[in-house]
Amino acid sequence: MSDETHMRRALELAKEAAEAGEVPVGAVIIDPETGETLGEGRNRPIGTHDPTAHAEIVAIRAAAARVGNYRLTGLDLYVTLEPCAMCAGAISFARLGRVIFAASDEKGGAVINGPRFFEQKTCHWRPDITQDPVHAAEAASFLQRFFKEKRK
């Protein structure tokens, strides 16, 4: 399985989120050694009445339950949007090995934008970060269409 395959799955989850009336963000956690999917998530704060139910958090919870440990050391997170500060904190506490995100988020992102969470001296764990330029436009387009429809 490739980065392409995993990001495509995250994009499918983002589409499911949009269809459910949620902000279209999807996330997948993979064991890079086996290619096995250990957790998936899509945004669901509205439907669950839970402000912490971002795609990354949902995927982290699923992967932690699957492996039986809150530490997800060495696992990869694929997400369609640059993580916010809350999600960056969860990524750090989970000790994920690598984060691959598609669209950047100038307003709410906390990895390459905003507070740049992983660059702070108070951050105890820093994953490898990769922006996926191949899928950035597609992920951004999902978000733009979603918010355009909401404004009608």
N, C-alpha and C. Protein backbone atom coordinates (compact mmCIF):
# COMPACT_ATOMS: atom_id res chain seq x y z
N MET A 1 0.85 -1.18 0.00
CA MET A 1 0.00 0.00 0.00
C MET A 1 0.89 1.24 0.00
N SER A 2 0.44 2.26 -0.67
CA SER A 2 1.25 3.46 -0.84
C SER A 2 0.61 4.67 -0.15
N ASP A 3 1.41 5.74 -0.07
CA ASP A 3 0.87 7.00 0.45
C ASP A 3 -0.37 7.40 -0.34
N GLU A 4 -0.33 7.19 -1.65
CA GLU A 4 -1.47 7.51 -2.52
C GLU A 4 -2.74 6.78 -2.06
N THR A 5 -2.62 5.50 -1.81
CA THR A 5 -3.76 4.69 -1.40
C THR A 5 -4.33 5.18 -0.08
N HIS A 6 -3.47 5.47 0.87
CA HIS A 6 -3.93 5.88 2.19
C HIS A 6 -4.57 7.27 2.16
N MET A 7 -3.99 8.19 1.37
CA MET A 7 -4.59 9.52 1.28
C MET A 7 -5.92 9.45 0.53
N ARG A 8 -6.02 8.57 -0.46
CA ARG A 8 -7.30 8.40 -1.17
C ARG A 8 -8.38 7.95 -0.19
N ARG A 9 -8.03 7.06 0.72
CA ARG A 9 -9.01 6.61 1.72
C ARG A 9 -9.40 7.77 2.63
N ALA A 10 -8.45 8.58 3.04
CA ALA A 10 -8.76 9.75 3.88
C ALA A 10 -9.69 10.69 3.12
N LEU A 11 -9.48 10.85 1.82
CA LEU A 11 -10.36 11.71 1.02
C LEU A 11 -11.77 11.12 0.92
N GLU A 12 -11.88 9.79 0.83
CA GLU A 12 -13.20 9.15 0.84
C GLU A 12 -13.93 9.44 2.16
N LEU A 13 -13.18 9.38 3.26
CA LEU A 13 -13.78 9.67 4.57
C LEU A 13 -14.20 11.14 4.66
N ALA A 14 -13.42 12.03 4.06
CA ALA A 14 -13.79 13.45 4.04
C ALA A 14 -15.10 13.64 3.28
N LYS A 15 -15.24 12.92 2.18
CA LYS A 15 -16.49 13.00 1.40
C LYS A 15 -17.67 12.50 2.24
N GLU A 16 -17.47 11.42 2.98
CA GLU A 16 -18.53 10.91 3.87
C GLU A 16 -18.90 11.95 4.92
N ALA A 17 -17.91 12.65 5.44
CA ALA A 17 -18.18 13.70 6.43
C ALA A 17 -19.06 14.78 5.82
N ALA A 18 -18.71 15.23 4.62
CA ALA A 18 -19.50 16.26 3.95
C ALA A 18 -20.93 15.80 3.72
N GLU A 19 -21.10 14.56 3.30
CA GLU A 19 -22.44 14.02 3.06
C GLU A 19 -23.26 13.96 4.34
N ALA A 20 -22.59 13.88 5.49
CA ALA A 20 -23.27 13.86 6.78
C ALA A 20 -23.44 15.27 7.36
N GLY A 21 -23.04 16.28 6.58
CA GLY A 21 -23.19 17.66 7.04
C GLY A 21 -22.06 18.15 7.93
N GLU A 22 -20.97 17.40 7.97
CA GLU A 22 -19.80 17.76 8.78
C GLU A 22 -18.73 18.37 7.88
N VAL A 23 -17.84 19.15 8.46
CA VAL A 23 -16.71 19.69 7.70
C VAL A 23 -15.93 18.51 7.11
N PRO A 24 -15.66 18.54 5.80
CA PRO A 24 -15.07 17.37 5.13
C PRO A 24 -13.59 17.17 5.41
N VAL A 25 -13.32 16.46 6.48
CA VAL A 25 -11.96 16.07 6.83
C VAL A 25 -11.98 14.58 7.16
N GLY A 26 -11.01 13.86 6.61
CA GLY A 26 -10.88 12.44 6.88
C GLY A 26 -9.47 12.11 7.32
N ALA A 27 -9.31 11.03 8.10
CA ALA A 27 -8.00 10.64 8.61
C ALA A 27 -7.91 9.12 8.69
N VAL A 28 -6.70 8.62 8.44
CA VAL A 28 -6.42 7.19 8.48
C VAL A 28 -5.09 6.98 9.19
N ILE A 29 -5.03 5.99 10.07
CA ILE A 29 -3.78 5.64 10.75
C ILE A 29 -3.36 4.26 10.26
N ILE A 30 -2.11 4.18 9.82
CA ILE A 30 -1.55 3.00 9.17
C ILE A 30 -0.30 2.54 9.91
N ASP A 31 -0.12 1.24 9.98
CA ASP A 31 1.15 0.68 10.42
C ASP A 31 2.04 0.62 9.17
N PRO A 32 3.09 1.43 9.09
CA PRO A 32 3.89 1.47 7.86
C PRO A 32 4.65 0.17 7.59
N GLU A 33 4.86 -0.64 8.61
CA GLU A 33 5.58 -1.90 8.41
C GLU A 33 4.71 -2.94 7.72
N THR A 34 3.42 -2.95 8.02
CA THR A 34 2.52 -3.96 7.46
C THR A 34 1.54 -3.39 6.44
N GLY A 35 1.35 -2.07 6.45
CA GLY A 35 0.36 -1.44 5.59
C GLY A 35 -1.06 -1.57 6.13
N GLU A 36 -1.19 -2.15 7.31
CA GLU A 36 -2.51 -2.37 7.91
C GLU A 36 -3.12 -1.06 8.41
N THR A 37 -4.40 -0.88 8.12
CA THR A 37 -5.14 0.25 8.64
C THR A 37 -5.55 -0.07 10.08
N LEU A 38 -5.14 0.78 11.01
CA LEU A 38 -5.44 0.54 12.42
C LEU A 38 -6.54 1.46 12.96
N GLY A 39 -6.78 2.55 12.27
CA GLY A 39 -7.84 3.47 12.70
C GLY A 39 -8.23 4.39 11.57
N GLU A 40 -9.50 4.73 11.54
CA GLU A 40 -10.02 5.69 10.57
C GLU A 40 -10.93 6.66 11.30
N GLY A 41 -11.06 7.84 10.72
CA GLY A 41 -12.00 8.80 11.29
C GLY A 41 -12.38 9.85 10.27
N ARG A 42 -13.54 10.41 10.51
CA ARG A 42 -13.98 11.57 9.74
C ARG A 42 -14.56 12.54 10.74
N ASN A 43 -14.59 13.80 10.36
CA ASN A 43 -15.14 14.79 11.28
C ASN A 43 -16.55 14.39 11.66
N ARG A 44 -16.87 14.52 12.96
CA ARG A 44 -18.22 14.24 13.44
C ARG A 44 -18.61 15.04 14.68
N PRO A 45 -18.08 16.24 14.87
CA PRO A 45 -18.48 17.01 16.06
C PRO A 45 -19.97 17.35 16.11
N ILE A 46 -20.56 17.64 14.95
CA ILE A 46 -21.97 18.03 14.93
C ILE A 46 -22.85 16.84 15.30
N GLY A 47 -22.65 15.74 14.60
CA GLY A 47 -23.48 14.56 14.82
C GLY A 47 -23.33 13.93 16.19
N THR A 48 -22.14 14.05 16.78
CA THR A 48 -21.90 13.43 18.09
C THR A 48 -22.03 14.43 19.24
N HIS A 49 -22.24 15.69 18.91
CA HIS A 49 -22.30 16.76 19.93
C HIS A 49 -21.02 16.76 20.75
N ASP A 50 -19.90 16.57 20.06
CA ASP A 50 -18.60 16.46 20.71
C ASP A 50 -17.59 17.33 19.97
N PRO A 51 -17.20 18.47 20.54
CA PRO A 51 -16.27 19.36 19.86
C PRO A 51 -14.90 18.75 19.63
N THR A 52 -14.58 17.65 20.30
CA THR A 52 -13.28 17.01 20.10
C THR A 52 -13.32 15.93 19.02
N ALA A 53 -14.45 15.71 18.38
CA ALA A 53 -14.59 14.62 17.41
C ALA A 53 -14.08 15.02 16.02
N HIS A 54 -12.86 15.54 15.98
CA HIS A 54 -12.21 15.82 14.71
C HIS A 54 -11.73 14.50 14.13
N ALA A 55 -11.54 14.46 12.82
CA ALA A 55 -11.15 13.23 12.13
C ALA A 55 -9.91 12.59 12.77
N GLU A 56 -8.91 13.41 13.09
CA GLU A 56 -7.67 12.88 13.66
C GLU A 56 -7.91 12.22 15.01
N ILE A 57 -8.72 12.87 15.85
CA ILE A 57 -9.00 12.35 17.19
C ILE A 57 -9.78 11.04 17.08
N VAL A 58 -10.77 11.00 16.18
CA VAL A 58 -11.56 9.78 15.99
C VAL A 58 -10.64 8.64 15.54
N ALA A 59 -9.73 8.92 14.61
CA ALA A 59 -8.80 7.90 14.12
C ALA A 59 -7.83 7.46 15.22
N ILE A 60 -7.34 8.41 16.00
CA ILE A 60 -6.42 8.09 17.11
C ILE A 60 -7.12 7.19 18.12
N ARG A 61 -8.36 7.53 18.47
CA ARG A 61 -9.10 6.70 19.44
C ARG A 61 -9.28 5.28 18.91
N ALA A 62 -9.62 5.16 17.62
CA ALA A 62 -9.83 3.84 17.03
C ALA A 62 -8.53 3.03 17.01
N ALA A 63 -7.44 3.66 16.62
CA ALA A 63 -6.15 2.96 16.55
C ALA A 63 -5.68 2.56 17.94
N ALA A 64 -5.83 3.44 18.92
CA ALA A 64 -5.41 3.13 20.29
C ALA A 64 -6.21 1.94 20.83
N ALA A 65 -7.51 1.91 20.55
CA ALA A 65 -8.33 0.78 20.99
C ALA A 65 -7.89 -0.50 20.29
N ARG A 66 -7.58 -0.39 19.03
CA ARG A 66 -7.18 -1.57 18.25
C ARG A 66 -5.87 -2.16 18.73
N VAL A 67 -4.88 -1.29 19.02
CA VAL A 67 -3.57 -1.81 19.45
C VAL A 67 -3.50 -2.02 20.96
N GLY A 68 -4.50 -1.51 21.68
CA GLY A 68 -4.52 -1.69 23.13
C GLY A 68 -3.49 -0.85 23.85
N ASN A 69 -3.22 0.33 23.29
CA ASN A 69 -2.23 1.22 23.90
C ASN A 69 -2.50 2.65 23.45
N TYR A 70 -2.32 3.60 24.34
CA TYR A 70 -2.52 5.00 23.95
C TYR A 70 -1.32 5.55 23.21
N ARG A 71 -0.23 4.83 23.21
CA ARG A 71 0.95 5.24 22.45
C ARG A 71 0.91 4.56 21.08
N LEU A 72 0.99 5.36 20.06
CA LEU A 72 0.92 4.88 18.68
C LEU A 72 2.26 5.11 17.97
N THR A 73 3.31 4.88 18.70
CA THR A 73 4.67 5.13 18.23
C THR A 73 4.93 4.41 16.91
N GLY A 74 5.46 5.16 15.95
CA GLY A 74 5.85 4.57 14.68
C GLY A 74 4.74 4.45 13.66
N LEU A 75 3.51 4.81 14.01
CA LEU A 75 2.40 4.72 13.06
C LEU A 75 2.28 6.01 12.26
N ASP A 76 1.66 5.91 11.10
CA ASP A 76 1.49 7.05 10.20
C ASP A 76 0.04 7.52 10.21
N LEU A 77 -0.14 8.83 10.23
CA LEU A 77 -1.46 9.46 10.15
C LEU A 77 -1.56 10.20 8.83
N TYR A 78 -2.56 9.84 8.04
CA TYR A 78 -2.88 10.55 6.80
C TYR A 78 -4.15 11.34 7.06
N VAL A 79 -4.10 12.65 6.79
CA VAL A 79 -5.26 13.49 7.06
C VAL A 79 -5.40 14.50 5.93
N THR A 80 -6.62 14.83 5.58
CA THR A 80 -6.88 15.68 4.42
C THR A 80 -6.66 17.16 4.68
N LEU A 81 -6.56 17.56 5.94
CA LEU A 81 -6.37 18.97 6.29
C LEU A 81 -5.31 19.08 7.38
N GLU A 82 -4.52 20.11 7.30
CA GLU A 82 -3.51 20.39 8.32
C GLU A 82 -4.16 20.36 9.71
N PRO A 83 -3.60 19.58 10.64
CA PRO A 83 -4.20 19.48 11.98
C PRO A 83 -4.23 20.81 12.73
N CYS A 84 -5.29 20.99 13.53
CA CYS A 84 -5.43 22.15 14.40
C CYS A 84 -4.58 21.92 15.66
N ALA A 85 -4.57 22.88 16.56
CA ALA A 85 -3.76 22.78 17.78
C ALA A 85 -4.22 21.60 18.65
N MET A 86 -5.53 21.39 18.77
CA MET A 86 -6.02 20.28 19.59
C MET A 86 -5.53 18.95 19.03
N CYS A 87 -5.66 18.79 17.72
CA CYS A 87 -5.26 17.54 17.09
C CYS A 87 -3.74 17.38 17.12
N ALA A 88 -3.00 18.46 16.95
CA ALA A 88 -1.54 18.38 17.05
C ALA A 88 -1.13 17.92 18.45
N GLY A 89 -1.81 18.41 19.47
CA GLY A 89 -1.53 17.96 20.83
C GLY A 89 -1.79 16.48 20.99
N ALA A 90 -2.91 16.00 20.44
CA ALA A 90 -3.24 14.57 20.52
C ALA A 90 -2.21 13.74 19.75
N ILE A 91 -1.78 14.22 18.61
CA ILE A 91 -0.76 13.54 17.81
C ILE A 91 0.53 13.41 18.62
N SER A 92 0.90 14.48 19.29
CA SER A 92 2.11 14.47 20.11
C SER A 92 1.98 13.50 21.27
N PHE A 93 0.87 13.55 21.99
CA PHE A 93 0.67 12.65 23.13
C PHE A 93 0.61 11.18 22.68
N ALA A 94 0.06 10.93 21.49
CA ALA A 94 -0.02 9.57 20.97
C ALA A 94 1.33 9.09 20.43
N ARG A 95 2.23 10.02 20.20
CA ARG A 95 3.56 9.72 19.68
C ARG A 95 3.54 9.07 18.29
N LEU A 96 2.64 9.59 17.46
CA LEU A 96 2.60 9.11 16.07
C LEU A 96 3.94 9.41 15.39
N GLY A 97 4.37 8.52 14.52
CA GLY A 97 5.67 8.67 13.89
C GLY A 97 5.70 9.65 12.75
N ARG A 98 4.63 9.68 11.97
CA ARG A 98 4.62 10.53 10.78
C ARG A 98 3.21 11.05 10.55
N VAL A 99 3.12 12.30 10.13
CA VAL A 99 1.84 12.92 9.77
C VAL A 99 1.96 13.40 8.33
N ILE A 100 1.04 12.94 7.50
CA ILE A 100 0.97 13.34 6.10
C ILE A 100 -0.36 14.05 5.92
N PHE A 101 -0.34 15.33 5.58
CA PHE A 101 -1.60 16.06 5.39
C PHE A 101 -1.65 16.65 4.00
N ALA A 102 -2.87 16.84 3.51
CA ALA A 102 -3.06 17.35 2.15
C ALA A 102 -3.14 18.88 2.15
N ALA A 103 -4.29 19.44 2.44
CA ALA A 103 -4.50 20.89 2.36
C ALA A 103 -3.95 21.60 3.60
N SER A 104 -3.30 22.73 3.38
CA SER A 104 -2.89 23.55 4.52
C SER A 104 -4.09 24.36 4.99
N ASP A 105 -4.02 24.84 6.22
CA ASP A 105 -5.13 25.59 6.81
C ASP A 105 -4.56 26.85 7.46
N GLU A 106 -4.58 27.95 6.70
CA GLU A 106 -4.01 29.19 7.19
C GLU A 106 -4.71 29.73 8.43
N LYS A 107 -6.00 29.46 8.54
CA LYS A 107 -6.78 29.99 9.65
C LYS A 107 -6.71 29.11 10.90
N GLY A 108 -6.87 27.81 10.74
CA GLY A 108 -6.96 26.93 11.90
C GLY A 108 -5.85 25.92 12.06
N GLY A 109 -4.94 25.87 11.09
CA GLY A 109 -3.85 24.91 11.16
C GLY A 109 -2.84 25.26 12.23
N ALA A 110 -2.17 24.22 12.72
CA ALA A 110 -1.19 24.44 13.79
C ALA A 110 0.12 23.69 13.54
N VAL A 111 0.34 23.28 12.29
CA VAL A 111 1.56 22.54 11.98
C VAL A 111 2.53 23.43 11.20
N ILE A 112 2.09 23.90 10.02
CA ILE A 112 2.93 24.83 9.25
C ILE A 112 2.37 26.25 9.32
N ASN A 113 1.20 26.39 9.90
CA ASN A 113 0.55 27.69 10.08
C ASN A 113 0.31 27.91 11.58
N GLY A 114 -0.20 29.09 11.91
CA GLY A 114 -0.59 29.36 13.30
C GLY A 114 0.54 29.12 14.29
N PRO A 115 0.23 28.41 15.37
CA PRO A 115 1.21 28.25 16.44
C PRO A 115 2.36 27.29 16.13
N ARG A 116 2.31 26.59 15.03
CA ARG A 116 3.37 25.62 14.68
C ARG A 116 3.72 24.76 15.89
N PHE A 117 2.72 24.04 16.32
CA PHE A 117 2.76 23.28 17.57
C PHE A 117 4.02 22.46 17.77
N PHE A 118 4.44 21.75 16.74
CA PHE A 118 5.57 20.83 16.90
C PHE A 118 6.91 21.54 17.00
N GLU A 119 6.93 22.83 16.73
CA GLU A 119 8.17 23.61 16.86
C GLU A 119 8.32 24.24 18.24
N GLN A 120 7.30 24.13 19.08
CA GLN A 120 7.34 24.75 20.41
C GLN A 120 8.23 23.94 21.35
N LYS A 121 8.96 24.63 22.21
CA LYS A 121 9.85 23.92 23.14
C LYS A 121 9.07 23.09 24.16
N THR A 122 7.80 23.39 24.35
CA THR A 122 6.97 22.62 25.28
C THR A 122 6.41 21.34 24.65
N CYS A 123 6.63 21.14 23.37
CA CYS A 123 6.16 19.93 22.68
C CYS A 123 7.15 18.81 22.98
N HIS A 124 6.64 17.73 23.55
CA HIS A 124 7.52 16.64 23.98
C HIS A 124 7.76 15.59 22.91
N TRP A 125 6.95 15.54 21.88
CA TRP A 125 7.12 14.55 20.81
C TRP A 125 6.80 15.21 19.48
N ARG A 126 7.70 15.07 18.53
CA ARG A 126 7.53 15.68 17.22
C ARG A 126 7.53 14.60 16.14
N PRO A 127 6.42 14.41 15.46
CA PRO A 127 6.41 13.45 14.35
C PRO A 127 7.09 14.04 13.13
N ASP A 128 7.44 13.20 12.19
CA ASP A 128 7.88 13.69 10.88
C ASP A 128 6.63 14.23 10.19
N ILE A 129 6.75 15.38 9.54
CA ILE A 129 5.62 16.03 8.89
C ILE A 129 5.88 16.09 7.39
N THR A 130 4.87 15.70 6.62
CA THR A 130 4.94 15.79 5.17
C THR A 130 3.64 16.38 4.67
N GLN A 131 3.74 17.41 3.83
CA GLN A 131 2.54 17.88 3.16
C GLN A 131 2.46 17.18 1.81
N ASP A 132 1.28 16.70 1.49
CA ASP A 132 1.03 15.96 0.25
C ASP A 132 0.54 16.95 -0.80
N PRO A 133 1.43 17.46 -1.66
CA PRO A 133 1.00 18.45 -2.65
C PRO A 133 0.13 17.87 -3.75
N VAL A 134 0.20 16.56 -3.95
CA VAL A 134 -0.58 15.91 -5.01
C VAL A 134 -2.07 15.99 -4.70
N HIS A 135 -2.45 15.87 -3.42
CA HIS A 135 -3.87 15.85 -3.04
C HIS A 135 -4.33 17.13 -2.36
N ALA A 136 -3.45 18.10 -2.21
CA ALA A 136 -3.80 19.34 -1.52
C ALA A 136 -4.96 20.07 -2.20
N ALA A 137 -4.91 20.19 -3.51
CA ALA A 137 -5.97 20.92 -4.23
C ALA A 137 -7.31 20.21 -4.11
N GLU A 138 -7.31 18.90 -4.21
CA GLU A 138 -8.56 18.14 -4.10
C GLU A 138 -9.17 18.30 -2.71
N ALA A 139 -8.35 18.18 -1.68
CA ALA A 139 -8.84 18.33 -0.30
C ALA A 139 -9.35 19.75 -0.07
N ALA A 140 -8.62 20.74 -0.56
CA ALA A 140 -9.05 22.14 -0.41
C ALA A 140 -10.36 22.38 -1.15
N SER A 141 -10.52 21.75 -2.31
CA SER A 141 -11.74 21.90 -3.09
C SER A 141 -12.96 21.35 -2.34
N PHE A 142 -12.80 20.20 -1.68
CA PHE A 142 -13.88 19.66 -0.84
C PHE A 142 -14.33 20.70 0.17
N LEU A 143 -13.37 21.30 0.84
CA LEU A 143 -13.66 22.28 1.89
C LEU A 143 -14.32 23.53 1.31
N GLN A 144 -13.80 24.02 0.19
CA GLN A 144 -14.37 25.22 -0.42
C GLN A 144 -15.81 24.99 -0.86
N ARG A 145 -16.07 23.84 -1.50
CA ARG A 145 -17.45 23.53 -1.93
C ARG A 145 -18.38 23.41 -0.73
N PHE A 146 -17.90 22.77 0.32
CA PHE A 146 -18.71 22.58 1.52
C PHE A 146 -19.13 23.93 2.10
N PHE A 147 -18.16 24.82 2.29
CA PHE A 147 -18.49 26.11 2.91
C PHE A 147 -19.27 27.01 1.97
N LYS A 148 -19.07 26.87 0.67
CA LYS A 148 -19.86 27.65 -0.30
C LYS A 148 -21.32 27.25 -0.19
N GLU A 149 -21.60 25.95 -0.09
CA GLU A 149 -22.96 25.45 0.07
C GLU A 149 -23.58 25.93 1.39
N LYS A 150 -22.78 25.96 2.44
CA LYS A 150 -23.29 26.39 3.75
C LYS A 150 -23.70 27.86 3.73
N ARG A 151 -23.03 28.66 2.91
CA ARG A 151 -23.31 30.10 2.87
C ARG A 151 -24.55 30.44 2.05
N LYS A 152 -25.06 29.50 1.27
CA LYS A 152 -26.23 29.76 0.41
C LYS A 152 -27.47 30.00 1.23
